[in-house]
């Protein structure tokens, strides 16, 4: 009976994303089944899954546009969102978005998978993301054992971009910082940060109007993701905290595009990130795009709406510069 109670008694709930029971059992919501790799009939983009590290299960999904024979293409390394607890490189949102982006931009995309919390608490997602990025970078020198021939053949490693949405945007930022601090063996041309999931202990913007309960809940969720973390001012959550030590200025990217949405609860944090980055000593170019009247990752939900098209055009221009 005790075991049954533990399996039904809720220990932590962050609805509508995740619920964990005292037994450790986890329920995920808003987590659609993954889609298989293959050729997209609408765009002709071909995708395939590649295992990077069998020991950890780290893998990636590669996307190639049609007509690539003999061509070298810019490489977009992409990190999916999902608050570190849901989502996948193969989820429908990521799969459809990258099919469209790859077809229009004429790039080679690598969607890196990472392990999810709470089964694999942070910083596992960041460690996986870094290992995946190093694997991509290894192809610049031919790859060696464990390399992917299509990436080595078609990747132009003088034009590498990091990109991500929501938690994936936060990961992309941190990977660019780590590349600046530790080196990657290649230059990062650009960093695309979409609707990033940053936070901090001190209120900014509209956070002061949501009350202490909302901030306490955000802090509790972060500690759920990362047990033992100092909280919302952890450098992985707040890139401009004292603990971060000015790391944001060391972002290894020549240019940045930060996208926010007016009705997104994370909008003010995204603007704060943009403004703080400009004041940090970062030497590259930083651009901000705000989608008025839209919410968090709206372009995945309403891919054909006018604002999604406007955002896509900005991203295409960013990748083509």
Protein backbone atom coordinates (compact mmCIF):
# COMPACT_ATOMS: atom_id res chain seq x y z
CA UNK A 1 0.00 0.00 0.00
CA UNK A 2 2.85 2.38 0.85
CA UNK A 3 4.33 1.82 -2.59
CA UNK A 4 0.99 2.52 -4.23
CA UNK A 5 0.59 5.76 -2.27
CA UNK A 6 4.06 6.93 -3.27
CA UNK A 7 3.19 6.24 -6.90
CA UNK A 8 0.08 8.43 -6.76
CA UNK A 9 1.11 11.16 -4.31
CA UNK A 10 2.40 14.23 -6.11
CA UNK A 11 5.78 15.53 -4.97
CA UNK A 12 6.23 18.28 -7.53
CA UNK A 13 3.96 19.73 -10.19
CA UNK A 14 4.68 22.31 -12.84
CA UNK A 15 1.47 22.13 -14.83
CA UNK A 16 0.97 22.04 -17.78
CA UNK A 17 4.46 20.65 -18.39
CA UNK A 18 5.42 18.01 -15.84
CA UNK A 19 4.39 16.20 -12.67
CA UNK A 20 6.56 14.01 -10.46
CA UNK A 21 5.32 11.58 -7.83
CA UNK A 22 7.04 10.59 -4.60
CA UNK A 23 7.96 7.23 -6.10
CA UNK A 24 9.99 9.09 -8.74
CA UNK A 25 7.47 8.38 -11.50
CA UNK A 26 7.21 11.27 -13.96
CA UNK A 27 4.29 12.39 -16.11
CA UNK A 28 4.99 14.72 -19.00
CA UNK A 29 2.37 16.88 -20.70
CA UNK A 30 2.60 18.88 -23.94
CA UNK A 31 5.13 16.29 -25.10
CA UNK A 32 4.01 14.92 -28.48
CA UNK A 33 5.45 11.72 -29.89
CA UNK A 34 8.63 12.12 -31.93
CA UNK A 35 8.57 11.97 -35.72
CA UNK A 36 10.79 9.61 -37.70
CA UNK A 37 13.64 10.91 -39.82
CA UNK A 38 13.26 10.73 -43.59
CA UNK A 39 12.54 12.91 -46.62
CA UNK A 40 9.99 15.65 -46.07
CA UNK A 41 7.50 15.54 -48.97
CA UNK A 42 6.74 19.26 -48.74
CA UNK A 43 10.31 20.56 -48.89
CA UNK A 44 12.46 17.66 -50.07
CA UNK A 45 14.67 18.07 -47.00
CA UNK A 46 16.26 14.77 -45.96
CA UNK A 47 16.85 14.05 -42.28
CA UNK A 48 18.72 11.24 -40.57
CA UNK A 49 19.58 10.33 -36.99
CA UNK A 50 23.19 9.82 -35.93
CA UNK A 51 24.45 8.39 -32.63
CA UNK A 52 27.23 10.51 -31.16
CA UNK A 53 27.93 8.72 -27.88
CA UNK A 54 26.39 5.28 -27.28
CA UNK A 55 27.43 5.40 -23.62
CA UNK A 56 25.16 8.35 -22.80
CA UNK A 57 22.67 7.89 -25.65
CA UNK A 58 23.66 11.26 -27.13
CA UNK A 59 22.45 11.62 -30.71
CA UNK A 60 21.59 14.21 -33.32
CA UNK A 61 19.21 14.65 -36.23
CA UNK A 62 20.79 16.06 -39.39
CA UNK A 63 18.76 17.97 -42.00
CA UNK A 64 20.00 18.43 -45.58
CA UNK A 65 18.21 20.41 -48.29
CA UNK A 66 17.75 18.86 -51.73
CA UNK A 67 20.32 19.42 -54.46
CA UNK A 68 23.37 19.45 -52.20
CA UNK A 69 25.67 17.37 -54.41
CA UNK A 70 29.11 18.95 -54.41
CA UNK A 71 27.98 21.90 -52.26
CA UNK A 72 29.26 23.23 -48.96
CA UNK A 73 26.52 24.68 -46.75
CA UNK A 74 26.42 26.83 -43.61
CA UNK A 75 25.95 24.69 -40.50
CA UNK A 76 23.22 25.55 -37.97
CA UNK A 77 23.58 23.73 -34.65
CA UNK A 78 20.13 23.78 -33.06
CA UNK A 79 18.97 23.15 -29.48
CA UNK A 80 15.29 22.41 -28.90
CA UNK A 81 13.19 23.93 -26.11
CA UNK A 82 10.95 22.40 -23.48
CA UNK A 83 12.05 23.80 -20.09
CA UNK A 84 14.70 21.06 -19.90
CA UNK A 85 11.99 18.46 -19.17
CA UNK A 86 10.16 17.90 -22.45
CA UNK A 87 10.91 18.11 -26.16
CA UNK A 88 13.35 16.39 -28.47
CA UNK A 89 15.41 16.86 -31.60
CA UNK A 90 12.71 14.70 -33.20
CA UNK A 91 9.60 16.34 -31.76
CA UNK A 92 7.10 17.70 -34.33
CA UNK A 93 7.81 21.35 -33.51
CA UNK A 94 11.56 20.99 -34.02
CA UNK A 95 11.27 18.64 -36.99
CA UNK A 96 8.83 20.78 -38.98
CA UNK A 97 10.58 24.04 -38.10
CA UNK A 98 13.99 22.81 -39.22
CA UNK A 99 12.60 21.27 -42.42
CA UNK A 100 11.27 24.70 -43.37
CA UNK A 101 14.37 26.61 -42.24
CA UNK A 102 16.80 24.29 -44.02
CA UNK A 103 14.78 24.43 -47.25
CA UNK A 104 14.56 28.23 -47.30
CA UNK A 105 18.00 29.10 -45.95
CA UNK A 106 19.94 26.42 -47.81
CA UNK A 107 21.76 25.34 -44.67
CA UNK A 108 22.70 22.05 -43.06
CA UNK A 109 21.07 21.79 -39.62
CA UNK A 110 22.18 19.59 -36.74
CA UNK A 111 19.54 19.25 -34.01
CA UNK A 112 21.35 17.97 -30.94
CA UNK A 113 19.50 15.81 -28.46
CA UNK A 114 20.20 16.18 -24.73
CA UNK A 115 19.07 14.28 -21.66
CA UNK A 116 16.09 15.68 -19.78
CA UNK A 117 15.48 16.49 -16.12
CA UNK A 118 14.47 15.30 -13.59
CA UNK A 119 15.80 11.85 -14.50
CA UNK A 120 19.01 13.57 -15.62
CA UNK A 121 19.25 16.79 -13.61
CA UNK A 122 21.04 19.85 -14.90
CA UNK A 123 23.78 20.37 -15.87
CA UNK A 124 23.37 17.12 -17.90
CA UNK A 125 21.59 18.98 -20.72
CA UNK A 126 24.47 21.47 -20.92
CA UNK A 127 27.12 18.76 -20.80
CA UNK A 128 25.39 16.82 -23.58
CA UNK A 129 24.99 20.00 -25.62
CA UNK A 130 28.69 20.78 -25.33
CA UNK A 131 29.72 17.23 -26.25
CA UNK A 132 27.44 17.41 -29.27
CA UNK A 133 28.85 20.75 -30.33
CA UNK A 134 32.41 19.46 -30.02
CA UNK A 135 31.40 16.49 -32.18
CA UNK A 136 30.10 18.86 -34.86
CA UNK A 137 33.29 20.93 -34.64
CA UNK A 138 35.46 17.82 -35.02
CA UNK A 139 34.24 17.53 -38.62
CA UNK A 140 36.06 20.73 -39.50
CA UNK A 141 39.29 18.73 -39.36
CA UNK A 142 37.86 15.68 -41.11
CA UNK A 143 35.98 14.14 -38.20
CA UNK A 144 37.88 10.91 -37.58
CA UNK A 145 36.23 7.92 -35.97
CA UNK A 146 32.59 8.49 -35.13
CA UNK A 147 32.20 11.17 -37.76
CA UNK A 148 29.20 11.57 -40.04
CA UNK A 149 30.15 11.59 -43.77
CA UNK A 150 27.34 13.90 -44.88
CA UNK A 151 28.33 16.51 -42.29
CA UNK A 152 32.00 16.35 -43.29
CA UNK A 153 31.11 16.46 -46.99
CA UNK A 154 28.55 19.25 -46.97
CA UNK A 155 29.35 21.37 -43.89
CA UNK A 156 31.04 24.72 -44.40
CA UNK A 157 32.77 25.14 -41.06
CA UNK A 158 33.69 28.74 -41.75
CA UNK A 159 29.96 29.49 -41.44
CA UNK A 160 28.72 27.87 -38.23
CA UNK A 161 25.71 29.22 -36.34
CA UNK A 162 24.32 28.24 -32.94
CA UNK A 163 20.57 28.52 -32.46
CA UNK A 164 17.88 27.54 -30.01
CA UNK A 165 14.41 28.36 -28.73
CA UNK A 166 13.21 28.79 -25.14
CA UNK A 167 15.45 26.60 -22.96
CA UNK A 168 17.31 25.77 -26.17
CA UNK A 169 18.07 29.47 -26.61
CA UNK A 170 19.52 29.54 -23.11
CA UNK A 171 21.61 26.48 -23.96
CA UNK A 172 22.81 28.07 -27.22
CA UNK A 173 23.96 31.15 -25.30
CA UNK A 174 25.83 29.05 -22.75
CA UNK A 175 27.48 26.97 -25.49
CA UNK A 176 28.72 30.17 -27.15
CA UNK A 177 30.10 31.32 -23.80
CA UNK A 178 31.83 27.99 -23.23
CA UNK A 179 33.29 28.13 -26.74
CA UNK A 180 34.65 31.59 -25.94
CA UNK A 181 36.20 30.39 -22.69
CA UNK A 182 37.44 26.94 -23.63
CA UNK A 183 37.83 27.15 -27.40
CA UNK A 184 36.09 25.05 -30.02
CA UNK A 185 38.59 24.90 -32.85
CA UNK A 186 36.38 26.91 -35.17
CA UNK A 187 34.72 30.31 -35.27
CA UNK A 188 31.02 30.80 -34.60
CA UNK A 189 29.56 33.11 -37.21
CA UNK A 190 26.32 33.86 -35.43
CA UNK A 191 24.14 33.10 -32.40
CA UNK A 192 20.35 32.99 -32.73
CA UNK A 193 18.53 33.16 -29.39
CA UNK A 194 14.74 32.80 -29.66
CA UNK A 195 12.38 33.47 -26.73
CA UNK A 196 15.10 32.49 -24.22
CA UNK A 197 14.35 30.98 -20.83
CA UNK A 198 16.49 33.16 -18.53
CA UNK A 199 15.66 34.19 -14.99
CA UNK A 200 17.17 35.84 -11.91
CA UNK A 201 16.50 36.39 -8.22
CA UNK A 202 15.87 40.12 -8.67
CA UNK A 203 12.72 41.19 -10.50
CA UNK A 204 13.01 42.94 -13.85
CA UNK A 205 10.24 44.35 -16.04
CA UNK A 206 6.84 42.74 -15.52
CA UNK A 207 8.23 40.23 -12.99
CA UNK A 208 7.56 42.82 -10.27
CA UNK A 209 3.83 42.66 -10.98
CA UNK A 210 3.41 38.89 -10.72
CA UNK A 211 3.98 38.65 -6.96
CA UNK A 212 6.38 36.74 -4.74
CA UNK A 213 4.57 33.43 -5.31
CA UNK A 214 5.49 33.42 -9.02
CA UNK A 215 9.15 34.09 -8.26
CA UNK A 216 9.17 31.42 -5.56
CA UNK A 217 7.63 28.97 -8.00
CA UNK A 218 10.27 29.82 -10.63
CA UNK A 219 12.98 29.27 -8.04
CA UNK A 220 11.44 25.95 -6.94
CA UNK A 221 11.28 24.76 -10.53
CA UNK A 222 14.90 25.67 -11.18
CA UNK A 223 15.96 23.74 -8.06
CA UNK A 224 13.84 20.83 -9.28
CA UNK A 225 15.78 20.92 -12.54
CA UNK A 226 19.13 21.41 -10.82
CA UNK A 227 19.27 20.11 -7.23
CA UNK A 228 22.10 21.77 -5.33
CA UNK A 229 22.04 24.85 -7.53
CA UNK A 230 22.25 28.24 -5.78
CA UNK A 231 18.94 29.13 -7.43
CA UNK A 232 17.87 31.62 -10.08
CA UNK A 233 21.18 33.48 -10.03
CA UNK A 234 23.00 30.35 -11.12
CA UNK A 235 25.02 31.43 -14.20
CA UNK A 236 23.12 28.86 -16.29
CA UNK A 237 19.90 30.71 -15.44
CA UNK A 238 21.15 34.28 -15.06
CA UNK A 239 24.07 35.03 -17.42
CA UNK A 240 24.59 38.45 -15.80
CA UNK A 241 24.61 37.42 -12.14
CA UNK A 242 27.66 38.04 -9.98
CA UNK A 243 28.36 34.31 -10.09
CA UNK A 244 28.57 34.45 -13.89
CA UNK A 245 31.64 36.64 -13.58
CA UNK A 246 31.08 38.60 -16.77
CA UNK A 247 31.04 35.46 -18.90
CA UNK A 248 28.40 36.84 -21.30
CA UNK A 249 30.97 39.24 -22.75
CA UNK A 250 32.99 36.22 -23.85
CA UNK A 251 30.30 34.89 -26.20
CA UNK A 252 32.15 33.38 -29.15
CA UNK A 253 29.94 34.68 -31.95
CA UNK A 254 30.48 37.49 -34.42
CA UNK A 255 26.81 38.45 -34.53
CA UNK A 256 23.66 37.81 -32.51
CA UNK A 257 19.94 37.94 -33.15
CA UNK A 258 17.67 37.90 -30.12
CA UNK A 259 13.97 37.25 -30.75
CA UNK A 260 11.20 38.02 -28.25
CA UNK A 261 7.40 38.03 -28.42
CA UNK A 262 5.27 40.79 -26.92
CA UNK A 263 2.83 38.51 -25.07
CA UNK A 264 5.43 36.00 -23.90
CA UNK A 265 5.89 35.91 -20.11
CA UNK A 266 9.62 35.68 -20.84
CA UNK A 267 9.58 38.75 -23.10
CA UNK A 268 11.08 41.17 -20.57
CA UNK A 269 13.87 38.73 -19.71
CA UNK A 270 14.70 38.48 -23.41
CA UNK A 271 14.89 42.28 -23.75
CA UNK A 272 16.94 42.44 -20.54
CA UNK A 273 19.31 39.85 -22.02
CA UNK A 274 19.69 41.88 -25.21
CA UNK A 275 20.29 45.16 -23.35
CA UNK A 276 22.63 43.58 -20.79
CA UNK A 277 24.64 41.91 -23.53
CA UNK A 278 25.12 45.22 -25.35
CA UNK A 279 26.38 46.77 -22.10
CA UNK A 280 28.57 43.79 -21.16
CA UNK A 281 31.54 44.49 -23.37
CA UNK A 282 30.54 41.92 -25.99
CA UNK A 283 32.23 43.13 -29.17
CA UNK A 284 29.92 41.65 -31.78
CA UNK A 285 26.75 42.99 -33.37
CA UNK A 286 23.47 42.40 -31.50
CA UNK A 287 20.01 42.79 -33.02
CA UNK A 288 16.62 42.51 -31.34
CA UNK A 289 13.42 41.42 -33.06
CA UNK A 290 10.11 41.69 -31.22
CA UNK A 291 7.00 39.98 -32.60
CA UNK A 292 4.07 42.15 -31.54
CA UNK A 293 0.84 40.54 -30.41
CA UNK A 294 2.36 37.04 -30.18
CA UNK A 295 3.24 34.61 -27.40
CA UNK A 296 5.96 32.11 -26.56
CA UNK A 297 7.25 30.09 -29.56
CA UNK A 298 4.15 31.15 -31.52
CA UNK A 299 5.96 30.49 -34.83
CA UNK A 300 5.91 26.73 -34.08
CA UNK A 301 2.17 26.77 -33.37
CA UNK A 302 1.13 29.21 -36.10
CA UNK A 303 3.87 28.66 -38.64
CA UNK A 304 1.99 30.35 -41.50
CA UNK A 305 0.86 33.52 -39.72
CA UNK A 306 2.20 36.93 -40.80
CA UNK A 307 4.37 37.40 -37.72
CA UNK A 308 5.93 33.97 -38.16
CA UNK A 309 6.75 34.91 -41.76
CA UNK A 310 8.24 38.21 -40.63
CA UNK A 311 10.38 36.44 -38.04
CA UNK A 312 11.50 33.86 -40.58
CA UNK A 313 12.61 36.59 -43.00
CA UNK A 314 14.73 38.19 -40.29
CA UNK A 315 16.33 34.85 -39.47
CA UNK A 316 17.01 34.11 -43.14
CA UNK A 317 18.65 37.51 -43.53
CA UNK A 318 20.74 36.85 -40.40
CA UNK A 319 21.95 33.51 -41.76
CA UNK A 320 22.74 34.92 -45.21
CA UNK A 321 24.84 37.89 -44.12
